[in-house]
Structures are given as structure tokens and as C-alpha cells.
């Protein structure tokens, strides 16, 4: 047994022991009438785990307290990286693992031809309907944080396949002459991250104000190069004053934990 797992087991054992002592004091009466004989000590002790589980399961606040306490200890003292739907990366980065998010990044499940055809049909149909009304359709695909900042992922999260789902979609649309304009932000953000502060939150699934502004600029360019929208006005960096504020993102809430995990972000 490793030192980490040994310490983890020891702490859990102490917690269970202390809680058992606590609940023994408040155990409900195990006699229904005065004529009912008392249970022996072994039966009493044997009933503690069930009583404890019932008490915790029936009390959402108590259950939440223990879950958060466990995660607090694992994060702060054991250096745990894997939580139910949160993956702890390097340098304070927290990544979302729900909804097969990491599978998508790792190319674990390539998109099928049927799925590509359905997306193509839906987008082209919508584009035609809007064009008939004189409307412009731009499809903007926001890259995941792990796509733009894979260097902060922990070991064991390397890609397992070469068939990227977004690459497959872009190729399919071009191959079949799709007219829908799709803005793939990956190259823009990969280039921007070389010379600018972080474009995504460390503790949140979304891009921050820097990342959003680079995306905004690309959207503006696409609008301005569309027939009838040449005079569309876009704002620039000089139109904003940037300050930094402390922020704790949705990953901290999804862990969940009582710890104060914050980062300084542009506002």
C-alpha cells in the first residue's frame, strides 16, 4: 500500500470511528415495548453502519458536508487529481470530465458518417432558410480548454486517436460543397496564446474576456466580409479598460469543495 492510500485509509477509519461514537449516543431506542428484551452489544455495534448510512442518506446537508470534507482533504493534502466530474491539472487548472468531455478531446470516439451527414443536412437547411429571408448565418465553434491548453493536463490524458471530430466536420462540409460559414476558432486562439495572457479560466469551463474578445474579432471580420455587411462596426482593444479581479469558477462548484480556490481574471 502506498503512503498516500495508507494515509487516506487511516483518515477514513478515524472519521468512521468518531462518527460511530457520536451516533451511538443518539441511537434510537431498539425496544418497542417494555417486554422486548435488549439486544446484546454485538448486535448494537453491528447496526451502527446501517444507522449511519441511513442518517447520512436521509440528510442532504449532512451528506454534502461529508462529500465536501472528503474532497477538501483529498485536494489539499493528498494531491488527488480525479474527482467525480473534475480533473485536476497542473498549476491550478481544473478540467471538466462530465458528458464524455475528455473522450472528445482524446479522440476516443470518432464521429460517424451518419452523424456528419445529419449535421450537414441540418446546417445547410438552416442556412438556406435564413438566406431566403436575407439573414446571415455564422456557426461559431468554441474550442474546449484542453484543446487550447493541453499542456496543463495531468499525465494519462494523452490523445488515443487521430480522428478529430471537428476536423472531420470541416472536411466533410468542404468535400460536399457546404455553403454554411463555420468559424473554427482553434488556430486563432493557438496563435493568440503565444503573446497574450491566459484566454481561458483555470477554474471554469469557459474562455475568459481575452479569449472571448479574440473570438469576437473573428466574428466581426466574418460579418464585415459578408455582402451587405461591409459597414458593420467592431470595437477594438482601445475601447476597453482591463482590470483583474479574484474569481472562482464552475469547476470549484462541481468538485464540490469548501476550499477557496480562486484565480485573478480579466474583467
Protein backbone atom coordinates (compact mmCIF):
# COMPACT_ATOMS: atom_id res chain seq x y z
CA UNK A 1 0.00 0.00 0.00
CA UNK A 2 1.37 3.41 -0.96
CA UNK A 3 1.86 6.15 1.61
CA UNK A 4 -0.96 8.14 0.01
CA UNK A 5 -3.51 5.31 0.12
CA UNK A 6 -2.41 4.32 3.64
CA UNK A 7 -2.94 7.85 4.90
CA UNK A 8 -6.28 8.05 3.12
CA UNK A 9 -7.45 4.81 4.74
CA UNK A 10 -6.28 5.95 8.16
CA UNK A 11 -8.20 9.21 7.94
CA UNK A 12 -11.37 7.48 6.77
CA UNK A 13 -11.04 4.96 9.58
CA UNK A 14 -10.74 7.69 12.19
CA UNK A 15 -13.70 9.55 10.73
CA UNK A 16 -15.88 6.44 10.76
CA UNK A 17 -14.82 5.63 14.33
CA UNK A 18 -15.57 9.12 15.62
CA UNK A 19 -18.89 9.23 13.83
CA UNK A 20 -19.81 5.83 15.18
CA UNK A 21 -19.16 7.01 18.72
CA UNK A 22 -21.20 10.14 18.03
CA UNK A 23 -24.16 8.21 16.66
CA UNK A 24 -24.08 5.64 19.47
CA UNK A 25 -25.02 8.40 21.84
CA UNK A 26 -28.06 9.28 19.74
CA UNK A 27 -29.15 5.83 18.60
CA UNK A 28 -32.93 5.43 18.63
CA UNK A 29 -34.47 3.05 21.10
CA UNK A 30 -34.17 -0.52 19.91
CA UNK A 31 -37.09 -1.69 22.13
CA UNK A 32 -40.69 -1.47 21.02
CA UNK A 33 -42.21 -2.40 24.37
CA UNK A 34 -41.00 -2.92 27.88
CA UNK A 35 -41.34 -6.66 27.32
CA UNK A 36 -38.88 -6.65 24.41
CA UNK A 37 -35.52 -7.95 25.51
CA UNK A 38 -32.45 -5.78 24.96
CA UNK A 39 -30.16 -6.50 22.08
CA UNK A 40 -26.69 -7.56 23.05
CA UNK A 41 -23.75 -5.25 22.49
CA UNK A 42 -22.60 -7.00 19.32
CA UNK A 43 -25.98 -6.56 17.67
CA UNK A 44 -25.93 -2.92 18.68
CA UNK A 45 -22.49 -2.33 17.20
CA UNK A 46 -23.39 -4.25 14.07
CA UNK A 47 -26.32 -1.92 13.48
CA UNK A 48 -24.23 1.25 13.61
CA UNK A 49 -23.11 1.25 9.93
CA UNK A 50 -26.67 0.87 8.68
CA UNK A 51 -27.88 3.58 11.01
CA UNK A 52 -25.03 5.84 9.92
CA UNK A 53 -25.75 5.27 6.23
CA UNK A 54 -29.45 5.90 6.75
CA UNK A 55 -28.77 9.09 8.69
CA UNK A 56 -26.43 10.44 6.03
CA UNK A 57 -28.62 9.40 3.08
CA UNK A 58 -31.70 10.99 4.62
CA UNK A 59 -29.93 14.26 5.39
CA UNK A 60 -28.77 16.06 2.24
CA UNK A 61 -26.90 18.71 4.22
CA UNK A 62 -25.02 16.08 6.20
CA UNK A 63 -24.20 14.13 3.04
CA UNK A 64 -22.98 17.28 1.30
CA UNK A 65 -20.83 18.13 4.30
CA UNK A 66 -19.04 14.78 4.21
CA UNK A 67 -18.57 14.87 0.43
CA UNK A 68 -17.05 18.33 0.60
CA UNK A 69 -14.88 17.41 3.59
CA UNK A 70 -13.57 14.37 1.73
CA UNK A 71 -12.76 16.41 -1.38
CA UNK A 72 -11.16 19.17 0.69
CA UNK A 73 -8.80 16.67 2.29
CA UNK A 74 -8.04 14.85 -0.96
CA UNK A 75 -7.31 18.10 -2.81
CA UNK A 76 -5.32 19.88 -0.13
CA UNK A 77 -3.35 17.06 1.49
CA UNK A 78 -3.32 14.04 -0.84
CA UNK A 79 -2.88 15.83 -4.14
CA UNK A 80 -5.80 13.89 -5.62
CA UNK A 81 -6.34 14.57 -9.33
CA UNK A 82 -9.56 12.75 -10.16
CA UNK A 83 -12.91 13.81 -8.73
CA UNK A 84 -16.39 12.68 -9.94
CA UNK A 85 -16.58 15.09 -12.91
CA UNK A 86 -13.50 17.25 -12.36
CA UNK A 87 -9.89 16.52 -13.31
CA UNK A 88 -7.14 18.40 -11.53
CA UNK A 89 -4.44 19.59 -13.91
CA UNK A 90 -1.17 21.37 -13.36
CA UNK A 91 -0.70 24.84 -11.88
CA UNK A 92 -4.26 25.14 -10.56
CA UNK A 93 -6.11 24.09 -13.73
CA UNK A 94 -9.39 22.18 -13.26
CA UNK A 95 -10.89 20.34 -16.24
CA UNK A 96 -14.44 19.11 -16.79
CA UNK A 97 -14.82 15.36 -17.41
CA UNK A 98 -18.61 15.06 -17.49
CA UNK A 99 -20.60 14.38 -20.68
CA UNK A 100 -17.60 12.49 -22.14
CA UNK A 101 -15.72 15.76 -22.49
CA UNK A 102 -12.29 14.16 -22.21
CA UNK A 103 -13.29 11.44 -24.66
CA UNK A 104 -13.91 14.17 -27.21
CA UNK A 105 -10.50 15.74 -26.58
CA UNK A 106 -8.72 12.38 -26.74
CA UNK A 107 -10.47 11.41 -30.00
CA UNK A 108 -11.70 8.28 -28.27
CA UNK A 109 -14.91 8.11 -30.31
CA UNK A 110 -14.58 9.35 -33.92
CA UNK A 111 -17.69 10.93 -35.41
CA UNK A 112 -19.59 8.65 -37.77
CA UNK A 113 -20.52 9.36 -41.40
CA UNK A 114 -24.19 9.29 -40.43
CA UNK A 115 -23.60 11.97 -37.79
CA UNK A 116 -21.65 14.10 -40.25
CA UNK A 117 -24.39 13.81 -42.85
CA UNK A 118 -27.05 14.80 -40.31
CA UNK A 119 -25.09 17.87 -39.22
CA UNK A 120 -24.50 18.81 -42.85
CA UNK A 121 -28.19 18.50 -43.75
CA UNK A 122 -29.31 20.48 -40.69
CA UNK A 123 -26.82 23.32 -41.18
CA UNK A 124 -27.36 23.63 -44.92
CA UNK A 125 -31.13 23.61 -44.48
CA UNK A 126 -30.99 26.33 -41.84
CA UNK A 127 -28.57 28.38 -43.93
CA UNK A 128 -30.86 28.25 -46.97
CA UNK A 129 -33.93 29.26 -44.97
CA UNK A 130 -32.14 32.23 -43.42
CA UNK A 131 -30.60 33.30 -46.72
CA UNK A 132 -34.07 33.34 -48.28
CA UNK A 133 -35.01 35.92 -45.65
CA UNK A 134 -31.88 37.98 -46.20
CA UNK A 135 -30.24 36.77 -42.99
CA UNK A 136 -26.62 35.78 -42.41
CA UNK A 137 -25.74 32.55 -40.60
CA UNK A 138 -22.37 32.16 -38.90
CA UNK A 139 -21.66 28.99 -36.95
CA UNK A 140 -19.03 29.66 -34.26
CA UNK A 141 -17.38 26.66 -32.62
CA UNK A 142 -15.68 27.47 -29.32
CA UNK A 143 -12.76 25.11 -28.64
CA UNK A 144 -12.54 23.37 -25.29
CA UNK A 145 -9.87 24.47 -22.83
CA UNK A 146 -8.00 21.19 -23.16
CA UNK A 147 -7.77 21.77 -26.91
CA UNK A 148 -6.12 25.18 -26.45
CA UNK A 149 -4.19 24.42 -23.25
CA UNK A 150 -3.38 20.68 -23.29
CA UNK A 151 -0.03 21.38 -21.62
CA UNK A 152 -1.78 21.81 -18.25
CA UNK A 153 -3.50 18.42 -18.32
CA UNK A 154 -2.17 15.72 -15.96
CA UNK A 155 -0.38 12.66 -17.30
CA UNK A 156 -2.60 9.88 -18.60
CA UNK A 157 -4.80 12.17 -20.68
CA UNK A 158 -2.92 11.92 -23.97
CA UNK A 159 -4.88 11.53 -27.20
CA UNK A 160 -5.70 7.94 -28.09
CA UNK A 161 -6.78 8.57 -31.69
CA UNK A 162 -6.03 10.82 -34.66
CA UNK A 163 -9.57 11.39 -35.93
CA UNK A 164 -10.61 14.75 -34.50
CA UNK A 165 -14.37 15.28 -34.69
CA UNK A 166 -14.19 18.94 -35.64
CA UNK A 167 -11.57 18.29 -38.31
CA UNK A 168 -13.84 15.61 -39.73
CA UNK A 169 -16.78 18.04 -39.85
CA UNK A 170 -14.81 20.78 -41.57
CA UNK A 171 -13.50 18.29 -44.15
CA UNK A 172 -16.99 16.90 -44.75
CA UNK A 173 -18.52 20.34 -45.26
CA UNK A 174 -15.82 21.25 -47.77
CA UNK A 175 -15.97 17.90 -49.55
CA UNK A 176 -19.71 18.17 -50.19
CA UNK A 177 -19.72 21.87 -51.05
CA UNK A 178 -21.36 23.18 -47.90
CA UNK A 179 -22.30 26.87 -48.06
CA UNK A 180 -22.65 27.38 -44.30
CA UNK A 181 -19.88 29.54 -42.85
CA UNK A 182 -18.28 27.79 -39.90
CA UNK A 183 -15.75 29.71 -37.82
CA UNK A 184 -13.18 27.36 -36.34
CA UNK A 185 -11.50 29.34 -33.55
CA UNK A 186 -8.68 26.90 -32.82
CA UNK A 187 -5.96 28.44 -35.00
CA UNK A 188 -6.86 31.95 -33.85
CA UNK A 189 -6.60 31.04 -30.17
CA UNK A 190 -3.48 28.89 -30.59
CA UNK A 191 -1.79 31.88 -32.18
CA UNK A 192 -3.15 34.38 -29.65
CA UNK A 193 -1.98 32.40 -26.64
CA UNK A 194 1.66 32.79 -27.72
CA UNK A 195 1.74 36.52 -26.94
CA UNK A 196 -1.20 37.15 -24.61
CA UNK A 197 -2.31 36.26 -21.06
CA UNK A 198 -4.50 33.23 -20.50
CA UNK A 199 -7.51 33.09 -22.80
CA UNK A 200 -9.49 30.66 -20.63
CA UNK A 201 -10.29 30.46 -16.94
CA UNK A 202 -8.30 27.94 -14.92
CA UNK A 203 -11.28 27.09 -12.72
CA UNK A 204 -14.10 27.46 -15.24
CA UNK A 205 -15.10 25.68 -18.45
CA UNK A 206 -15.35 28.89 -20.48
CA UNK A 207 -12.98 31.27 -22.18
CA UNK A 208 -12.35 34.48 -20.27
CA UNK A 209 -12.66 38.06 -21.53
CA UNK A 210 -9.43 37.79 -23.52
CA UNK A 211 -10.49 34.61 -25.28
CA UNK A 212 -13.98 35.96 -25.88
CA UNK A 213 -12.58 39.16 -27.41
CA UNK A 214 -10.38 37.28 -29.88
CA UNK A 215 -13.42 35.25 -30.89
CA UNK A 216 -15.44 38.47 -31.17
CA UNK A 217 -12.85 39.95 -33.51
CA UNK A 218 -13.01 36.91 -35.80
CA UNK A 219 -16.80 37.07 -35.86
CA UNK A 220 -16.62 40.77 -36.74
CA UNK A 221 -14.23 40.05 -39.61
CA UNK A 222 -16.55 37.37 -40.95
CA UNK A 223 -19.52 39.75 -40.79
CA UNK A 224 -17.64 42.61 -42.45
CA UNK A 225 -16.59 40.36 -45.36
CA UNK A 226 -20.18 39.26 -45.99
CA UNK A 227 -22.18 41.01 -48.76
CA UNK A 228 -24.32 43.79 -47.34
CA UNK A 229 -22.45 43.99 -44.02
CA UNK A 230 -19.32 45.87 -45.11
CA UNK A 231 -20.14 48.81 -42.81
CA UNK A 232 -20.56 46.69 -39.70
CA UNK A 233 -18.66 48.43 -36.88
CA UNK A 234 -16.46 46.46 -34.49
CA UNK A 235 -14.78 47.57 -31.29
CA UNK A 236 -11.04 47.28 -30.64
CA UNK A 237 -8.75 46.78 -27.66
CA UNK A 238 -8.55 50.55 -27.09
CA UNK A 239 -12.28 50.68 -26.39
CA UNK A 240 -11.85 48.76 -23.13
CA UNK A 241 -10.03 49.14 -19.84
CA UNK A 242 -8.92 45.83 -18.38
CA UNK A 243 -8.63 45.16 -14.67
CA UNK A 244 -8.13 41.92 -12.77
CA UNK A 245 -10.44 40.56 -10.09
CA UNK A 246 -10.47 37.34 -8.00
CA UNK A 247 -12.73 34.64 -9.41
CA UNK A 248 -13.75 31.08 -8.53
CA UNK A 249 -15.29 29.21 -11.46
CA UNK A 250 -17.84 26.48 -12.03
CA UNK A 251 -15.27 23.68 -11.69
CA UNK A 252 -14.87 24.50 -7.99
CA UNK A 253 -18.64 24.19 -7.52
CA UNK A 254 -18.79 20.94 -9.48
CA UNK A 255 -16.00 19.32 -7.48
CA UNK A 256 -17.54 20.23 -4.90
CA UNK A 257 -15.33 21.67 -2.15
CA UNK A 258 -15.37 24.19 0.67
CA UNK A 259 -11.84 25.30 -0.16
CA UNK A 260 -11.27 28.78 -1.51
CA UNK A 261 -9.82 28.15 -4.97
CA UNK A 262 -9.52 31.44 -6.81
CA UNK A 263 -7.63 32.96 -9.71
CA UNK A 264 -7.12 36.52 -10.89
CA UNK A 265 -9.03 37.08 -14.12
CA UNK A 266 -9.53 39.98 -16.57
CA UNK A 267 -12.74 41.93 -16.16
